[in-house]
Amino acid sequence: MKRLVRTFAVVTTVSLMSVISVLAADTGMGMSPDNSTNKDQCLLVAQTCKDSVDSLQQRIDRLHREISKGNSVYTNEELRSLEFQLKDAISTMEVLTRGGA
C-alpha cells in the first residue's frame, strides 16, 4: 500500500511540474511580442525567456526597436538601462568583427 501511495505521489508531482512548464511557455514569461506598447521584460531584467536566444545583431536590433518606443512605454531609468545594453552589445560586435582594440 505504501508503494502505491508513493507511486501516486511521484506521478502527480511529475504531472504538475510538466503542466506548469507548459503554461509558462505558453504565456511567454510575461512578454507579448505582438503588442508594440509592451515592455520587453527579457531585455529589462535579463530574464530567461523562451525566445531570448538571439544573435548579437538580433539583440542590437531588438534594443534599437525597444529604445525607439521611448517614454511612452519605458521610464527614463529603463531607457538608460537599454541604452547601456545597446552600447555594450555594439562594442562587443566591434571587438568580434575587428579582432579587438
PDB file of N, CA and C in Angstrom:
ATOM      1  N   MET A   1       0.818  -1.199   0.000  1.00  0.00           N
ATOM      2  CA  MET A   1       0.000   0.000   0.000  1.00  0.00           C
ATOM      3  C   MET A   1       0.865   1.268   0.000  1.00  0.00           C
ATOM      4  N   LYS A   2       1.980   1.233   0.781  1.00  0.00           N
ATOM      5  CA  LYS A   2       2.866   2.389   0.807  1.00  0.00           C
ATOM      6  C   LYS A   2       3.471   2.633  -0.574  1.00  0.00           C
ATOM      7  N   ARG A   3       3.804   1.569  -1.267  1.00  0.00           N
ATOM      8  CA  ARG A   3       4.391   1.704  -2.602  1.00  0.00           C
ATOM      9  C   ARG A   3       3.396   2.354  -3.562  1.00  0.00           C
ATOM     10  N   LEU A   4       2.142   1.992  -3.474  1.00  0.00           N
ATOM     11  CA  LEU A   4       1.107   2.571  -4.328  1.00  0.00           C
ATOM     12  C   LEU A   4       0.945   4.065  -4.048  1.00  0.00           C
ATOM     13  N   VAL A   5       0.939   4.432  -2.790  1.00  0.00           N
ATOM     14  CA  VAL A   5       0.802   5.836  -2.417  1.00  0.00           C
ATOM     15  C   VAL A   5       2.015   6.629  -2.894  1.00  0.00           C
ATOM     16  N   ARG A   6       3.210   6.080  -2.718  1.00  0.00           N
ATOM     17  CA  ARG A   6       4.435   6.743  -3.153  1.00  0.00           C
ATOM     18  C   ARG A   6       4.442   6.920  -4.675  1.00  0.00           C
ATOM     19  N   THR A   7       4.053   5.899  -5.404  1.00  0.00           N
ATOM     20  CA  THR A   7       3.996   5.969  -6.863  1.00  0.00           C
ATOM     21  C   THR A   7       2.994   7.028  -7.307  1.00  0.00           C
ATOM     22  N   PHE A   8       1.837   7.048  -6.655  1.00  0.00           N
ATOM     23  CA  PHE A   8       0.823   8.044  -6.993  1.00  0.00           C
ATOM     24  C   PHE A   8       1.346   9.465  -6.733  1.00  0.00           C
ATOM     25  N   ALA A   9       2.064   9.660  -5.630  1.00  0.00           N
ATOM     26  CA  ALA A   9       2.606  10.980  -5.305  1.00  0.00           C
ATOM     27  C   ALA A   9       3.647  11.413  -6.340  1.00  0.00           C
ATOM     28  N   VAL A  10       4.486  10.501  -6.769  1.00  0.00           N
ATOM     29  CA  VAL A  10       5.506  10.821  -7.764  1.00  0.00           C
ATOM     30  C   VAL A  10       4.856  11.169  -9.102  1.00  0.00           C
ATOM     31  N   VAL A  11       3.894  10.381  -9.531  1.00  0.00           N
ATOM     32  CA  VAL A  11       3.210  10.631 -10.804  1.00  0.00           C
ATOM     33  C   VAL A  11       2.483  11.975 -10.754  1.00  0.00           C
ATOM     34  N   THR A  12       1.835  12.273  -9.654  1.00  0.00           N
ATOM     35  CA  THR A  12       1.129  13.544  -9.510  1.00  0.00           C
ATOM     36  C   THR A  12       2.102  14.719  -9.561  1.00  0.00           C
ATOM     37  N   THR A  13       3.228  14.607  -8.880  1.00  0.00           N
ATOM     38  CA  THR A  13       4.231  15.675  -8.876  1.00  0.00           C
ATOM     39  C   THR A  13       4.794  15.922 -10.264  1.00  0.00           C
ATOM     40  N   VAL A  14       5.140  14.852 -10.953  1.00  0.00           N
ATOM     41  CA  VAL A  14       5.689  14.991 -12.304  1.00  0.00           C
ATOM     42  C   VAL A  14       4.655  15.611 -13.235  1.00  0.00           C
ATOM     43  N   SER A  15       3.416  15.208 -13.113  1.00  0.00           N
ATOM     44  CA  SER A  15       2.357  15.763 -13.959  1.00  0.00           C
ATOM     45  C   SER A  15       2.180  17.259 -13.706  1.00  0.00           C
ATOM     46  N   LEU A  16       2.161  17.662 -12.453  1.00  0.00           N
ATOM     47  CA  LEU A  16       2.005  19.081 -12.137  1.00  0.00           C
ATOM     48  C   LEU A  16       3.187  19.904 -12.627  1.00  0.00           C
ATOM     49  N   MET A  17       4.389  19.367 -12.509  1.00  0.00           N
ATOM     50  CA  MET A  17       5.566  20.093 -12.976  1.00  0.00           C
ATOM     51  C   MET A  17       5.534  20.290 -14.482  1.00  0.00           C
ATOM     52  N   SER A  18       5.104  19.288 -15.216  1.00  0.00           N
ATOM     53  CA  SER A  18       5.052  19.439 -16.672  1.00  0.00           C
ATOM     54  C   SER A  18       3.943  20.395 -17.095  1.00  0.00           C
ATOM     55  N   VAL A  19       2.828  20.406 -16.393  1.00  0.00           N
ATOM     56  CA  VAL A  19       1.749  21.341 -16.720  1.00  0.00           C
ATOM     57  C   VAL A  19       2.209  22.773 -16.472  1.00  0.00           C
ATOM     58  N   ILE A  20       2.915  23.005 -15.375  1.00  0.00           N
ATOM     59  CA  ILE A  20       3.394  24.347 -15.058  1.00  0.00           C
ATOM     60  C   ILE A  20       4.388  24.826 -16.113  1.00  0.00           C
ATOM     61  N   SER A  21       5.288  23.951 -16.561  1.00  0.00           N
ATOM     62  CA  SER A  21       6.257  24.371 -17.571  1.00  0.00           C
ATOM     63  C   SER A  21       5.582  24.672 -18.903  1.00  0.00           C
ATOM     64  N   VAL A  22       4.552  23.914 -19.257  1.00  0.00           N
ATOM     65  CA  VAL A  22       3.818  24.174 -20.499  1.00  0.00           C
ATOM     66  C   VAL A  22       3.081  25.506 -20.405  1.00  0.00           C
ATOM     67  N   LEU A  23       2.457  25.777 -19.285  1.00  0.00           N
ATOM     68  CA  LEU A  23       1.755  27.050 -19.107  1.00  0.00           C
ATOM     69  C   LEU A  23       2.723  28.227 -19.142  1.00  0.00           C
ATOM     70  N   ALA A  24       3.889  28.076 -18.548  1.00  0.00           N
ATOM     71  CA  ALA A  24       4.880  29.154 -18.570  1.00  0.00           C
ATOM     72  C   ALA A  24       5.348  29.420 -19.992  1.00  0.00           C
ATOM     73  N   ALA A  25       5.533  28.378 -20.787  1.00  0.00           N
ATOM     74  CA  ALA A  25       5.964  28.552 -22.176  1.00  0.00           C
ATOM     75  C   ALA A  25       4.869  29.214 -23.003  1.00  0.00           C
ATOM     76  N   ASP A  26       3.617  28.886 -22.743  1.00  0.00           N
ATOM     77  CA  ASP A  26       2.511  29.469 -23.498  1.00  0.00           C
ATOM     78  C   ASP A  26       2.356  30.956 -23.216  1.00  0.00           C
ATOM     79  N   THR A  27       2.636  31.381 -22.007  1.00  0.00           N
ATOM     80  CA  THR A  27       2.464  32.789 -21.677  1.00  0.00           C
ATOM     81  C   THR A  27       3.646  33.617 -22.112  1.00  0.00           C
ATOM     82  N   GLY A  28       4.759  33.007 -22.453  1.00  0.00           N
ATOM     83  CA  GLY A  28       5.916  33.762 -22.906  1.00  0.00           C
ATOM     84  C   GLY A  28       6.633  34.475 -21.785  1.00  0.00           C
ATOM     85  N   MET A  29       6.428  34.050 -20.554  1.00  0.00           N
ATOM     86  CA  MET A  29       7.094  34.626 -19.388  1.00  0.00           C
ATOM     87  C   MET A  29       6.867  36.129 -19.294  1.00  0.00           C
ATOM     88  N   GLY A  30       5.658  36.581 -19.574  1.00  0.00           N
ATOM     89  CA  GLY A  30       5.332  37.983 -19.412  1.00  0.00           C
ATOM     90  C   GLY A  30       5.661  38.856 -20.599  1.00  0.00           C
ATOM     91  N   MET A  31       5.973  38.265 -21.715  1.00  0.00           N
ATOM     92  CA  MET A  31       6.358  39.061 -22.883  1.00  0.00           C
ATOM     93  C   MET A  31       5.373  38.807 -24.012  1.00  0.00           C
ATOM     94  N   SER A  32       4.865  39.855 -24.605  1.00  0.00           N
ATOM     95  CA  SER A  32       3.958  39.738 -25.730  1.00  0.00           C
ATOM     96  C   SER A  32       4.583  40.413 -26.938  1.00  0.00           C
ATOM     97  N   PRO A  33       5.169  39.647 -27.867  1.00  0.00           N
ATOM     98  CA  PRO A  33       5.875  40.263 -28.981  1.00  0.00           C
ATOM     99  C   PRO A  33       4.965  40.938 -29.995  1.00  0.00           C
ATOM    100  N   ASP A  34       3.666  40.642 -29.979  1.00  0.00           N
ATOM    101  CA  ASP A  34       2.758  41.209 -30.965  1.00  0.00           C
ATOM    102  C   ASP A  34       2.351  42.645 -30.633  1.00  0.00           C
ATOM    103  N   ASN A  35       2.431  43.024 -29.389  1.00  0.00           N
ATOM    104  CA  ASN A  35       1.970  44.329 -28.966  1.00  0.00           C
ATOM    105  C   ASN A  35       3.169  45.265 -28.813  1.00  0.00           C
ATOM    106  N   SER A  36       3.203  46.330 -29.608  1.00  0.00           N
ATOM    107  CA  SER A  36       4.360  47.223 -29.625  1.00  0.00           C
ATOM    108  C   SER A  36       4.379  48.172 -28.437  1.00  0.00           C
ATOM    109  N   THR A  37       3.342  48.182 -27.594  1.00  0.00           N
ATOM    110  CA  THR A  37       3.334  49.075 -26.437  1.00  0.00           C
ATOM    111  C   THR A  37       3.767  48.375 -25.164  1.00  0.00           C
ATOM    112  N   ASN A  38       4.060  47.084 -25.210  1.00  0.00           N
ATOM    113  CA  ASN A  38       4.504  46.361 -24.024  1.00  0.00           C
ATOM    114  C   ASN A  38       6.010  46.446 -23.865  1.00  0.00           C
ATOM    115  N   LYS A  39       6.441  46.407 -22.615  1.00  0.00           N
ATOM    116  CA  LYS A  39       7.860  46.397 -22.326  1.00  0.00           C
ATOM    117  C   LYS A  39       8.421  45.008 -22.595  1.00  0.00           C
ATOM    118  N   ASP A  40       9.624  44.952 -23.053  1.00  0.00           N
ATOM    119  CA  ASP A  40      10.310  43.687 -23.264  1.00  0.00           C
ATOM    120  C   ASP A  40      11.024  43.328 -21.965  1.00  0.00           C
ATOM    121  N   GLN A  41      10.352  42.530 -21.136  1.00  0.00           N
ATOM    122  CA  GLN A  41      10.891  42.185 -19.829  1.00  0.00           C
ATOM    123  C   GLN A  41      12.171  41.358 -19.942  1.00  0.00           C
ATOM    124  N   CYS A  42      12.326  40.625 -21.018  1.00  0.00           N
ATOM    125  CA  CYS A  42      13.544  39.830 -21.203  1.00  0.00           C
ATOM    126  C   CYS A  42      14.763  40.736 -21.280  1.00  0.00           C
ATOM    127  N   LEU A  43      14.637  41.867 -21.950  1.00  0.00           N
ATOM    128  CA  LEU A  43      15.755  42.806 -22.050  1.00  0.00           C
ATOM    129  C   LEU A  43      15.943  43.600 -20.769  1.00  0.00           C
ATOM    130  N   LEU A  44      14.841  43.949 -20.122  1.00  0.00           N
ATOM    131  CA  LEU A  44      14.932  44.812 -18.954  1.00  0.00           C
ATOM    132  C   LEU A  44      15.573  44.142 -17.748  1.00  0.00           C
ATOM    133  N   VAL A  45      15.152  42.946 -17.443  1.00  0.00           N
ATOM    134  CA  VAL A  45      15.622  42.308 -16.214  1.00  0.00           C
ATOM    135  C   VAL A  45      16.415  41.041 -16.473  1.00  0.00           C
ATOM    136  N   ALA A  46      16.831  40.843 -17.705  1.00  0.00           N
ATOM    137  CA  ALA A  46      17.660  39.702 -18.086  1.00  0.00           C
ATOM    138  C   ALA A  46      17.027  38.384 -17.682  1.00  0.00           C
ATOM    139  N   GLN A  47      15.709  38.278 -17.870  1.00  0.00           N
ATOM    140  CA  GLN A  47      15.031  37.016 -17.617  1.00  0.00           C
ATOM    141  C   GLN A  47      15.387  36.027 -18.707  1.00  0.00           C
ATOM    142  N   THR A  48      15.266  34.774 -18.367  1.00  0.00           N
ATOM    143  CA  THR A  48      15.428  33.750 -19.381  1.00  0.00           C
ATOM    144  C   THR A  48      14.052  33.524 -19.984  1.00  0.00           C
ATOM    145  N   CYS A  49      13.877  33.942 -21.216  1.00  0.00           N
ATOM    146  CA  CYS A  49      12.595  33.819 -21.887  1.00  0.00           C
ATOM    147  C   CYS A  49      12.702  32.797 -23.003  1.00  0.00           C
ATOM    148  N   LYS A  50      11.551  32.306 -23.413  1.00  0.00           N
ATOM    149  CA  LYS A  50      11.559  31.221 -24.396  1.00  0.00           C
ATOM    150  C   LYS A  50      12.156  31.637 -25.736  1.00  0.00           C
ATOM    151  N   ASP A  51      12.150  32.923 -26.070  1.00  0.00           N
ATOM    152  CA  ASP A  51      12.690  33.358 -27.353  1.00  0.00           C
ATOM    153  C   ASP A  51      13.866  34.318 -27.193  1.00  0.00           C
ATOM    154  N   SER A  52      14.592  34.173 -26.085  1.00  0.00           N
ATOM    155  CA  SER A  52      15.660  35.125 -25.815  1.00  0.00           C
ATOM    156  C   SER A  52      17.007  34.731 -26.408  1.00  0.00           C
ATOM    157  N   VAL A  53      17.051  33.649 -27.162  1.00  0.00           N
ATOM    158  CA  VAL A  53      18.306  33.242 -27.781  1.00  0.00           C
ATOM    159  C   VAL A  53      18.430  33.976 -29.109  1.00  0.00           C
ATOM    160  N   ASP A  54      19.155  35.096 -29.067  1.00  0.00           N
ATOM    161  CA  ASP A  54      19.326  35.943 -30.242  1.00  0.00           C
ATOM    162  C   ASP A  54      20.795  35.960 -30.632  1.00  0.00           C
ATOM    163  N   SER A  55      21.036  36.208 -31.890  1.00  0.00           N
ATOM    164  CA  SER A  55      22.407  36.523 -32.294  1.00  0.00           C
ATOM    165  C   SER A  55      22.697  37.925 -31.779  1.00  0.00           C
ATOM    166  N   LEU A  56      23.939  38.308 -31.815  1.00  0.00           N
ATOM    167  CA  LEU A  56      24.313  39.639 -31.341  1.00  0.00           C
ATOM    168  C   LEU A  56      23.628  40.720 -32.175  1.00  0.00           C
ATOM    169  N   GLN A  57      23.543  40.522 -33.476  1.00  0.00           N
ATOM    170  CA  GLN A  57      22.886  41.500 -34.343  1.00  0.00           C
ATOM    171  C   GLN A  57      21.388  41.572 -34.046  1.00  0.00           C
ATOM    172  N   GLN A  58      20.764  40.434 -33.773  1.00  0.00           N
ATOM    173  CA  GLN A  58      19.339  40.444 -33.432  1.00  0.00           C
ATOM    174  C   GLN A  58      19.106  41.173 -32.119  1.00  0.00           C
ATOM    175  N   ARG A  59      20.003  40.982 -31.157  1.00  0.00           N
ATOM    176  CA  ARG A  59      19.881  41.682 -29.874  1.00  0.00           C
ATOM    177  C   ARG A  59      20.006  43.190 -30.077  1.00  0.00           C
ATOM    178  N   ILE A  60      20.951  43.606 -30.907  1.00  0.00           N
ATOM    179  CA  ILE A  60      21.114  45.034 -31.195  1.00  0.00           C
ATOM    180  C   ILE A  60      19.846  45.583 -31.844  1.00  0.00           C
ATOM    181  N   ASP A  61      19.277  44.846 -32.785  1.00  0.00           N
ATOM    182  CA  ASP A  61      18.038  45.280 -33.438  1.00  0.00           C
ATOM    183  C   ASP A  61      16.890  45.381 -32.437  1.00  0.00           C
ATOM    184  N   ARG A  62      16.768  44.386 -31.550  1.00  0.00           N
ATOM    185  CA  ARG A  62      15.714  44.418 -30.523  1.00  0.00           C
ATOM    186  C   ARG A  62      15.880  45.619 -29.614  1.00  0.00           C
ATOM    187  N   LEU A  63      17.116  45.892 -29.207  1.00  0.00           N
ATOM    188  CA  LEU A  63      17.359  47.033 -28.332  1.00  0.00           C
ATOM    189  C   LEU A  63      17.016  48.348 -29.026  1.00  0.00           C
ATOM    190  N   HIS A  64      17.398  48.490 -30.304  1.00  0.00           N
ATOM    191  CA  HIS A  64      17.026  49.688 -31.070  1.00  0.00           C
ATOM    192  C   HIS A  64      15.510  49.837 -31.120  1.00  0.00           C
ATOM    193  N   ARG A  65      14.823  48.761 -31.404  1.00  0.00           N
ATOM    194  CA  ARG A  65      13.366  48.783 -31.504  1.00  0.00           C
ATOM    195  C   ARG A  65      12.721  49.184 -30.178  1.00  0.00           C
ATOM    196  N   GLU A  66      13.227  48.638 -29.072  1.00  0.00           N
ATOM    197  CA  GLU A  66      12.651  48.958 -27.766  1.00  0.00           C
ATOM    198  C   GLU A  66      12.960  50.395 -27.365  1.00  0.00           C
ATOM    199  N   ILE A  67      14.164  50.865 -27.627  1.00  0.00           N
ATOM    200  CA  ILE A  67      14.534  52.242 -27.282  1.00  0.00           C
ATOM    201  C   ILE A  67      13.701  53.237 -28.083  1.00  0.00           C
ATOM    202  N   SER A  68      13.372  52.872 -29.330  1.00  0.00           N
ATOM    203  CA  SER A  68      12.577  53.783 -30.168  1.00  0.00           C
ATOM    204  C   SER A  68      11.155  53.970 -29.643  1.00  0.00           C
ATOM    205  N   LYS A  69      10.687  53.082 -28.771  1.00  0.00           N
ATOM    206  CA  LYS A  69       9.357  53.247 -28.172  1.00  0.00           C
ATOM    207  C   LYS A  69       9.332  54.424 -27.210  1.00  0.00           C
ATOM    208  N   GLY A  70      10.489  54.742 -26.651  1.00  0.00           N
ATOM    209  CA  GLY A  70      10.636  55.951 -25.849  1.00  0.00           C
ATOM    210  C   GLY A  70       9.877  55.959 -24.541  1.00  0.00           C
ATOM    211  N   ASN A  71       9.591  57.178 -24.082  1.00  0.00           N
ATOM    212  CA  ASN A  71       8.946  57.385 -22.784  1.00  0.00           C
ATOM    213  C   ASN A  71       7.487  56.972 -22.746  1.00  0.00           C
ATOM    214  N   SER A  72       6.899  56.684 -23.891  1.00  0.00           N
ATOM    215  CA  SER A  72       5.507  56.229 -23.875  1.00  0.00           C
ATOM    216  C   SER A  72       5.386  54.825 -23.296  1.00  0.00           C
ATOM    217  N   VAL A  73       6.488  54.071 -23.306  1.00  0.00           N
ATOM    218  CA  VAL A  73       6.471  52.706 -22.785  1.00  0.00           C
ATOM    219  C   VAL A  73       7.423  52.550 -21.598  1.00  0.00           C
ATOM    220  N   TYR A  74       8.605  53.148 -21.688  1.00  0.00           N
ATOM    221  CA  TYR A  74       9.652  52.952 -20.694  1.00  0.00           C
ATOM    222  C   TYR A  74       9.895  54.195 -19.859  1.00  0.00           C
ATOM    223  N   THR A  75      10.335  53.994 -18.618  1.00  0.00           N
ATOM    224  CA  THR A  75      10.750  55.115 -17.783  1.00  0.00           C
ATOM    225  C   THR A  75      12.153  55.544 -18.216  1.00  0.00           C
ATOM    226  N   ASN A  76      12.591  56.714 -17.740  1.00  0.00           N
ATOM    227  CA  ASN A  76      13.928  57.194 -18.084  1.00  0.00           C
ATOM    228  C   ASN A  76      15.010  56.225 -17.619  1.00  0.00           C
ATOM    229  N   GLU A  77      14.833  55.654 -16.451  1.00  0.00           N
ATOM    230  CA  GLU A  77      15.810  54.698 -15.923  1.00  0.00           C
ATOM    231  C   GLU A  77      15.880  53.437 -16.792  1.00  0.00           C
ATOM    232  N   GLU A  78      14.720  52.963 -17.214  1.00  0.00           N
ATOM    233  CA  GLU A  78      14.689  51.781 -18.083  1.00  0.00           C
ATOM    234  C   GLU A  78      15.332  52.076 -19.432  1.00  0.00           C
ATOM    235  N   LEU A  79      15.081  53.262 -19.962  1.00  0.00           N
ATOM    236  CA  LEU A  79      15.707  53.646 -21.235  1.00  0.00           C
ATOM    237  C   LEU A  79      17.226  53.727 -21.096  1.00  0.00           C
ATOM    238  N   ARG A  80      17.703  54.271 -19.968  1.00  0.00           N
ATOM    239  CA  ARG A  80      19.160  54.310 -19.739  1.00  0.00           C
ATOM    240  C   ARG A  80      19.741  52.899 -19.688  1.00  0.00           C
ATOM    241  N   SER A  81      19.019  51.992 -19.049  1.00  0.00           N
ATOM    242  CA  SER A  81      19.482  50.605 -18.976  1.00  0.00           C
ATOM    243  C   SER A  81      19.544  49.969 -20.361  1.00  0.00           C
ATOM    244  N   LEU A  82      18.520  50.202 -21.161  1.00  0.00           N
ATOM    245  CA  LEU A  82      18.509  49.652 -22.521  1.00  0.00           C
ATOM    246  C   LEU A  82      19.619  50.271 -23.371  1.00  0.00           C
ATOM    247  N   GLU A  83      19.850  51.570 -23.217  1.00  0.00           N
ATOM    248  CA  GLU A  83      20.925  52.231 -23.966  1.00  0.00           C
ATOM    249  C   GLU A  83      22.296  51.704 -23.554  1.00  0.00           C
ATOM    250  N   PHE A  84      22.471  51.436 -22.261  1.00  0.00           N
ATOM    251  CA  PHE A  84      23.728  50.853 -21.791  1.00  0.00           C
ATOM    252  C   PHE A  84      23.930  49.469 -22.405  1.00  0.00           C
ATOM    253  N   GLN A  85      22.873  48.666 -22.418  1.00  0.00           N
ATOM    254  CA  GLN A  85      22.959  47.337 -23.028  1.00  0.00           C
ATOM    255  C   GLN A  85      23.271  47.433 -24.518  1.00  0.00           C
ATOM    256  N   LEU A  86      22.684  48.422 -25.174  1.00  0.00           N
ATOM    257  CA  LEU A  86      22.932  48.616 -26.603  1.00  0.00           C
ATOM    258  C   LEU A  86      24.396  48.977 -26.852  1.00  0.00           C
ATOM    259  N   LYS A  87      24.933  49.913 -26.073  1.00  0.00           N
ATOM    260  CA  LYS A  87      26.340  50.296 -26.223  1.00  0.00           C
ATOM    261  C   LYS A  87      27.249  49.097 -25.980  1.00  0.00           C
ATOM    262  N   ASP A  88      26.915  48.295 -24.974  1.00  0.00           N
ATOM    263  CA  ASP A  88      27.710  47.109 -24.675  1.00  0.00           C
ATOM    264  C   ASP A  88      27.657  46.106 -25.828  1.00  0.00           C
ATOM    265  N   ALA A  89      26.475  45.900 -26.379  1.00  0.00           N
ATOM    266  CA  ALA A  89      26.325  44.957 -27.496  1.00  0.00           C
ATOM    267  C   ALA A  89      27.075  45.444 -28.732  1.00  0.00           C
ATOM    268  N   ILE A  90      27.010  46.737 -28.997  1.00  0.00           N
ATOM    269  CA  ILE A  90      27.715  47.298 -30.151  1.00  0.00           C
ATOM    270  C   ILE A  90      29.223  47.174 -29.974  1.00  0.00           C
ATOM    271  N   SER A  91      29.716  47.468 -28.772  1.00  0.00           N
ATOM    272  CA  SER A  91      31.166  47.343 -28.553  1.00  0.00           C
ATOM    273  C   SER A  91      31.608  45.888 -28.646  1.00  0.00           C
ATOM    274  N   THR A  92      30.785  44.966 -28.186  1.00  0.00           N
ATOM    275  CA  THR A  92      31.103  43.538 -28.332  1.00  0.00           C
ATOM    276  C   THR A  92      31.142  43.153 -29.805  1.00  0.00           C
ATOM    277  N   MET A  93      30.202  43.652 -30.579  1.00  0.00           N
ATOM    278  CA  MET A  93      30.172  43.374 -32.017  1.00  0.00           C
ATOM    279  C   MET A  93      31.432  43.914 -32.689  1.00  0.00           C
ATOM    280  N   GLU A  94      31.844  45.121 -32.301  1.00  0.00           N
ATOM    281  CA  GLU A  94      33.052  45.705 -32.878  1.00  0.00           C
ATOM    282  C   GLU A  94      34.296  44.890 -32.530  1.00  0.00           C
ATOM    283  N   VAL A  95      34.387  44.429 -31.294  1.00  0.00           N
ATOM    284  CA  VAL A  95      35.533  43.619 -30.890  1.00  0.00           C
ATOM    285  C   VAL A  95      35.560  42.308 -31.685  1.00  0.00           C
ATOM    286  N   LEU A  96      34.406  41.716 -31.879  1.00  0.00           N
ATOM    287  CA  LEU A  96      34.352  40.449 -32.601  1.00  0.00           C
ATOM    288  C   LEU A  96      34.668  40.614 -34.088  1.00  0.00           C
ATOM    289  N   THR A  97      34.227  41.716 -34.661  1.00  0.00           N
ATOM    290  CA  THR A  97      34.444  41.895 -36.103  1.00  0.00           C
ATOM    291  C   THR A  97      35.815  42.477 -36.426  1.00  0.00           C
ATOM    292  N   ARG A  98      36.359  43.266 -35.516  1.00  0.00           N
ATOM    293  CA  ARG A  98      37.661  43.894 -35.769  1.00  0.00           C
ATOM    294  C   ARG A  98      38.816  43.168 -35.089  1.00  0.00           C
ATOM    295  N   GLY A  99      38.501  42.227 -34.231  1.00  0.00           N
ATOM    296  CA  GLY A  99      39.547  41.476 -33.561  1.00  0.00           C
ATOM    297  C   GLY A  99      40.161  42.179 -32.366  1.00  0.00           C
ATOM    298  N   GLY A 100      39.443  43.067 -31.736  1.00  0.00           N
ATOM    299  CA  GLY A 100      39.932  43.708 -30.529  1.00  0.00           C
ATOM    300  C   GLY A 100      40.331  45.155 -30.745  1.00  0.00           C
ATOM    301  N   ALA A 101      40.863  45.741 -29.696  1.00  0.00           N
ATOM    302  CA  ALA A 101      41.315  47.139 -29.631  1.00  0.00           C
ATOM    303  C   ALA A 101      40.511  47.952 -30.568  1.00  0.00           C
TER     304      ALA A 101
END
